[in-house]
Amino acid sequence: MAHRKPIIGIVGGIGSGKSYVSKLFGQLGCLVIDSDQQVRDAYQREDVRKTLREWWGDGVFKTDGTVNRSAVGARVFSSTPDRHRLERLLHPLVADERQKLMERHATDPQVLAFVWDTPLLFETGLDGQCDKVVFVDAARDVRLERVRTTRGWDEPELSRRENLQWPLDRKRQISDYVVTNATDADDVRGQVQNVLSRIIDETTSPRKGLSPHGEVE
């Protein structure tokens, strides 16, 4: 009987390049499950749009009737009750789709592992379902420049959003591996390949606790 495929969780600061590192895992034979994409898919559901309209009116929709994610984000990042309400709506839908994807590919010999690119992995307790967690590291000035370029955020906005999450030092400490995403592409890819090889070689039983393992050098 084949071993269960390991589940690898990806964490890191905003702008650290978690999606980029996840993409590298995908290129090396992993199935990447992108929670942001699953949320985008959920926003296309009629029942979800109906609920959002009942809660917050037309202000969180674009003129074409699609969900304005920026407007939703601005609302939930300034209101803890609204954020929790949205999480209660979306998280079960995302979890259900994630499970379906893993079941669909459970016996696929081309898939070495499942990679969960999931914001708030620790905060929501999803790390407990992962075999290993990889922390994507990048200096704050690097991350700030990235979000300024890609999202138009300034330093206060980055700080405001990160303050709603666990401290990065804590996430880094309890992760199993660290990939530094502030060097050239070949180096980052080499780190990811090394991490994946080590995870595949190790046990595929569920993680026992949150003790840190070695950092990739």
Protein backbone atom coordinates (compact mmCIF):
# COMPACT_ATOMS: atom_id res chain seq x y z
CA MET A 1 0.00 0.00 0.00
CA ALA A 2 1.38 3.43 -0.95
CA HIS A 3 2.28 5.90 1.79
CA ARG A 4 -0.04 8.84 2.31
CA LYS A 5 1.29 11.89 0.54
CA PRO A 6 2.77 14.43 2.97
CA ILE A 7 1.06 17.77 3.47
CA ILE A 8 3.38 20.78 3.50
CA GLY A 9 2.10 24.07 4.88
CA ILE A 10 3.60 27.36 3.69
CA VAL A 11 3.78 30.36 6.03
CA GLY A 12 5.65 33.67 6.14
CA GLY A 13 5.23 37.40 6.30
CA ILE A 14 3.13 39.38 3.86
CA GLY A 15 5.22 39.94 0.75
CA SER A 16 7.71 37.22 1.62
CA GLY A 17 6.92 35.32 -1.58
CA LYS A 18 4.92 32.40 -0.23
CA SER A 19 3.14 31.92 -3.55
CA TYR A 20 6.45 31.97 -5.42
CA VAL A 21 7.92 29.31 -3.17
CA SER A 22 4.72 27.28 -3.48
CA LYS A 23 5.04 27.53 -7.26
CA LEU A 24 8.57 26.10 -7.03
CA PHE A 25 7.22 23.17 -5.01
CA GLY A 26 4.66 22.70 -7.76
CA GLN A 27 7.36 22.62 -10.42
CA LEU A 28 9.09 19.88 -8.45
CA GLY A 29 6.08 17.57 -8.44
CA CYS A 30 3.79 18.81 -5.66
CA LEU A 31 0.13 19.69 -5.97
CA VAL A 32 -0.23 23.27 -4.76
CA ILE A 33 -3.57 24.10 -3.17
CA ASP A 34 -3.91 27.88 -3.21
CA SER A 35 -6.43 29.11 -0.68
CA ASP A 36 -6.51 32.59 -2.23
CA GLN A 37 -7.60 31.06 -5.52
CA GLN A 38 -10.21 29.01 -3.72
CA VAL A 39 -11.55 32.19 -2.09
CA ARG A 40 -11.72 33.84 -5.51
CA ASP A 41 -13.69 30.84 -6.73
CA ALA A 42 -15.99 31.05 -3.69
CA TYR A 43 -16.73 34.71 -4.47
CA GLN A 44 -18.20 33.56 -7.79
CA ARG A 45 -20.80 31.42 -6.04
CA GLU A 46 -24.28 32.87 -6.11
CA ASP A 47 -24.97 31.91 -2.49
CA VAL A 48 -21.81 33.66 -1.30
CA ARG A 49 -22.56 36.82 -3.30
CA LYS A 50 -26.12 36.83 -1.97
CA THR A 51 -24.87 36.60 1.62
CA LEU A 52 -22.31 39.39 1.16
CA ARG A 53 -24.94 41.64 -0.36
CA GLU A 54 -27.28 40.99 2.57
CA TRP A 55 -24.47 41.84 5.02
CA TRP A 56 -22.79 44.83 3.40
CA GLY A 57 -24.87 45.97 0.44
CA ASP A 58 -23.70 47.05 -2.99
CA GLY A 59 -20.55 48.70 -1.65
CA VAL A 60 -18.57 45.44 -1.81
CA PHE A 61 -19.49 44.76 -5.43
CA LYS A 62 -18.15 46.05 -8.73
CA THR A 63 -20.45 47.50 -11.36
CA ASP A 64 -20.46 44.16 -13.22
CA GLY A 65 -21.84 42.39 -10.13
CA THR A 66 -18.64 40.61 -9.13
CA VAL A 67 -17.24 40.86 -5.62
CA ASN A 68 -14.85 43.76 -5.07
CA ARG A 69 -12.17 42.00 -3.06
CA SER A 70 -10.42 45.25 -2.23
CA ALA A 71 -13.61 46.65 -0.72
CA VAL A 72 -14.20 43.46 1.23
CA GLY A 73 -10.59 43.51 2.44
CA ALA A 74 -10.82 47.12 3.57
CA ARG A 75 -13.95 46.28 5.53
CA VAL A 76 -12.77 43.11 7.26
CA PHE A 77 -9.30 44.42 8.11
CA SER A 78 -10.88 47.32 9.95
CA SER A 79 -13.55 45.29 11.75
CA THR A 80 -12.78 42.16 13.72
CA PRO A 81 -16.44 41.03 13.88
CA ASP A 82 -16.79 41.40 10.12
CA ARG A 83 -13.54 39.52 9.56
CA HIS A 84 -14.67 36.64 11.74
CA ARG A 85 -18.06 36.54 10.03
CA LEU A 86 -16.42 36.35 6.61
CA GLU A 87 -14.08 33.61 7.83
CA ARG A 88 -17.02 31.58 9.10
CA LEU A 89 -18.60 31.87 5.65
CA LEU A 90 -15.55 31.10 3.51
CA HIS A 91 -13.34 28.76 5.54
CA PRO A 92 -15.70 25.75 5.38
CA LEU A 93 -16.06 26.18 1.61
CA VAL A 94 -12.29 26.39 1.15
CA ALA A 95 -11.72 23.38 3.42
CA ASP A 96 -14.24 21.32 1.47
CA GLU A 97 -12.60 22.12 -1.87
CA ARG A 98 -9.16 21.44 -0.44
CA GLN A 99 -10.25 18.01 0.75
CA LYS A 100 -11.82 17.19 -2.61
CA LEU A 101 -8.59 18.10 -4.41
CA MET A 102 -6.50 15.89 -2.16
CA GLU A 103 -8.89 12.96 -2.51
CA ARG A 104 -8.84 13.37 -6.28
CA HIS A 105 -5.04 13.19 -6.39
CA ALA A 106 -4.40 10.83 -3.46
CA THR A 107 -3.28 7.98 -5.73
CA ASP A 108 -1.72 10.08 -8.49
CA PRO A 109 1.88 8.85 -8.81
CA GLN A 110 2.90 12.17 -10.36
CA VAL A 111 2.05 14.05 -7.15
CA LEU A 112 4.79 13.82 -4.52
CA ALA A 113 3.12 15.94 -1.85
CA PHE A 114 0.35 18.44 -1.21
CA VAL A 115 1.38 22.04 -0.59
CA TRP A 116 -1.05 24.29 1.25
CA ASP A 117 -0.50 27.94 0.36
CA THR A 118 -2.87 29.15 3.05
CA PRO A 119 -2.87 32.51 4.84
CA LEU A 120 -3.26 32.23 8.62
CA LEU A 121 -2.20 28.58 8.66
CA PHE A 122 -1.12 28.75 12.31
CA GLU A 123 -3.85 31.16 13.37
CA THR A 124 -6.59 28.83 12.14
CA GLY A 125 -4.94 25.66 13.47
CA LEU A 126 -4.45 24.14 10.02
CA ASP A 127 -0.79 23.47 10.81
CA GLY A 128 -2.05 20.56 12.90
CA GLN A 129 -3.10 18.84 9.69
CA CYS A 130 0.29 19.37 8.04
CA ASP A 131 3.22 16.99 8.19
CA LYS A 132 5.71 19.82 7.86
CA VAL A 133 5.53 23.61 7.78
CA VAL A 134 7.91 25.76 5.73
CA PHE A 135 8.52 29.38 6.70
CA VAL A 136 9.34 31.71 3.81
CA ASP A 137 11.72 34.36 5.09
CA ALA A 138 12.48 37.79 3.65
CA ALA A 139 13.63 41.03 5.27
CA ARG A 140 10.97 43.59 6.09
CA ASP A 141 12.37 46.19 3.69
CA VAL A 142 12.25 43.63 0.88
CA ARG A 143 8.67 42.69 1.74
CA LEU A 144 7.63 46.33 1.98
CA GLU A 145 9.03 47.10 -1.45
CA ARG A 146 7.19 44.11 -2.88
CA VAL A 147 3.78 45.06 -1.47
CA ARG A 148 4.32 48.71 -2.37
CA THR A 149 4.93 47.65 -5.97
CA THR A 150 2.29 44.93 -6.30
CA ARG A 151 -0.47 46.15 -3.98
CA GLY A 152 0.14 49.85 -3.49
CA TRP A 153 0.54 49.48 0.26
CA ASP A 154 2.63 51.79 2.43
CA GLU A 155 4.45 50.84 5.63
CA PRO A 156 1.51 51.61 7.98
CA GLU A 157 -0.80 49.41 5.88
CA LEU A 158 1.67 46.52 5.97
CA SER A 159 2.04 46.92 9.73
CA ARG A 160 -1.73 47.13 10.25
CA ARG A 161 -2.34 43.88 8.41
CA GLU A 162 0.57 42.01 9.97
CA ASN A 163 -0.52 43.05 13.44
CA LEU A 164 -3.65 40.94 12.91
CA GLN A 165 -1.48 37.83 12.55
CA TRP A 166 0.88 35.94 14.80
CA PRO A 167 4.34 37.52 15.20
CA LEU A 168 6.71 36.38 12.47
CA ASP A 169 9.36 35.36 14.99
CA ARG A 170 6.89 32.95 16.53
CA LYS A 171 5.90 31.49 13.16
CA ARG A 172 9.53 31.08 12.17
CA GLN A 173 10.43 29.37 15.43
CA ILE A 174 7.72 26.73 15.28
CA SER A 175 8.07 25.97 11.56
CA ASP A 176 10.01 22.90 10.49
CA TYR A 177 12.03 24.49 7.70
CA VAL A 178 13.02 27.97 6.56
CA VAL A 179 13.44 29.01 2.94
CA THR A 180 15.04 32.42 2.44
CA ASN A 181 13.44 34.19 -0.50
CA ALA A 182 15.77 37.16 -0.84
CA THR A 183 18.48 35.68 -3.03
CA ASP A 184 18.72 34.71 -6.69
CA ALA A 185 16.14 32.39 -8.21
CA ASP A 186 18.48 29.42 -8.57
CA ASP A 187 19.37 29.57 -4.89
CA VAL A 188 15.74 29.70 -3.80
CA ARG A 189 14.89 26.80 -6.07
CA GLY A 190 17.81 24.83 -4.61
CA GLN A 191 16.54 25.47 -1.08
CA VAL A 192 13.05 24.30 -2.02
CA GLN A 193 14.41 21.17 -3.70
CA ASN A 194 16.46 20.38 -0.61
CA VAL A 195 13.47 20.85 1.69
CA LEU A 196 11.22 18.69 -0.46
CA SER A 197 13.79 15.91 -0.63
CA ARG A 198 14.16 15.92 3.13
CA ILE A 199 10.42 15.89 3.71
CA ILE A 200 9.90 13.01 1.28
CA ASP A 201 12.69 11.08 3.01
CA GLU A 202 11.21 11.63 6.47
CA THR A 203 8.20 10.02 8.01
CA THR A 204 4.81 10.86 6.58
CA SER A 205 3.04 10.49 9.88
CA PRO A 206 1.26 13.62 11.22
CA ARG A 207 3.42 16.17 13.02
CA LYS A 208 3.79 15.60 16.75
CA GLY A 209 3.66 18.99 18.39
CA LEU A 210 5.39 22.10 17.10
CA SER A 211 9.07 21.55 17.80
CA PRO A 212 11.32 23.27 15.24
CA HIS A 213 13.57 21.35 12.91
CA GLY A 214 16.67 22.47 11.10
CA GLU A 215 16.89 25.53 8.89
CA VAL A 216 17.99 25.14 5.30
CA GLU A 217 21.33 26.75 4.83
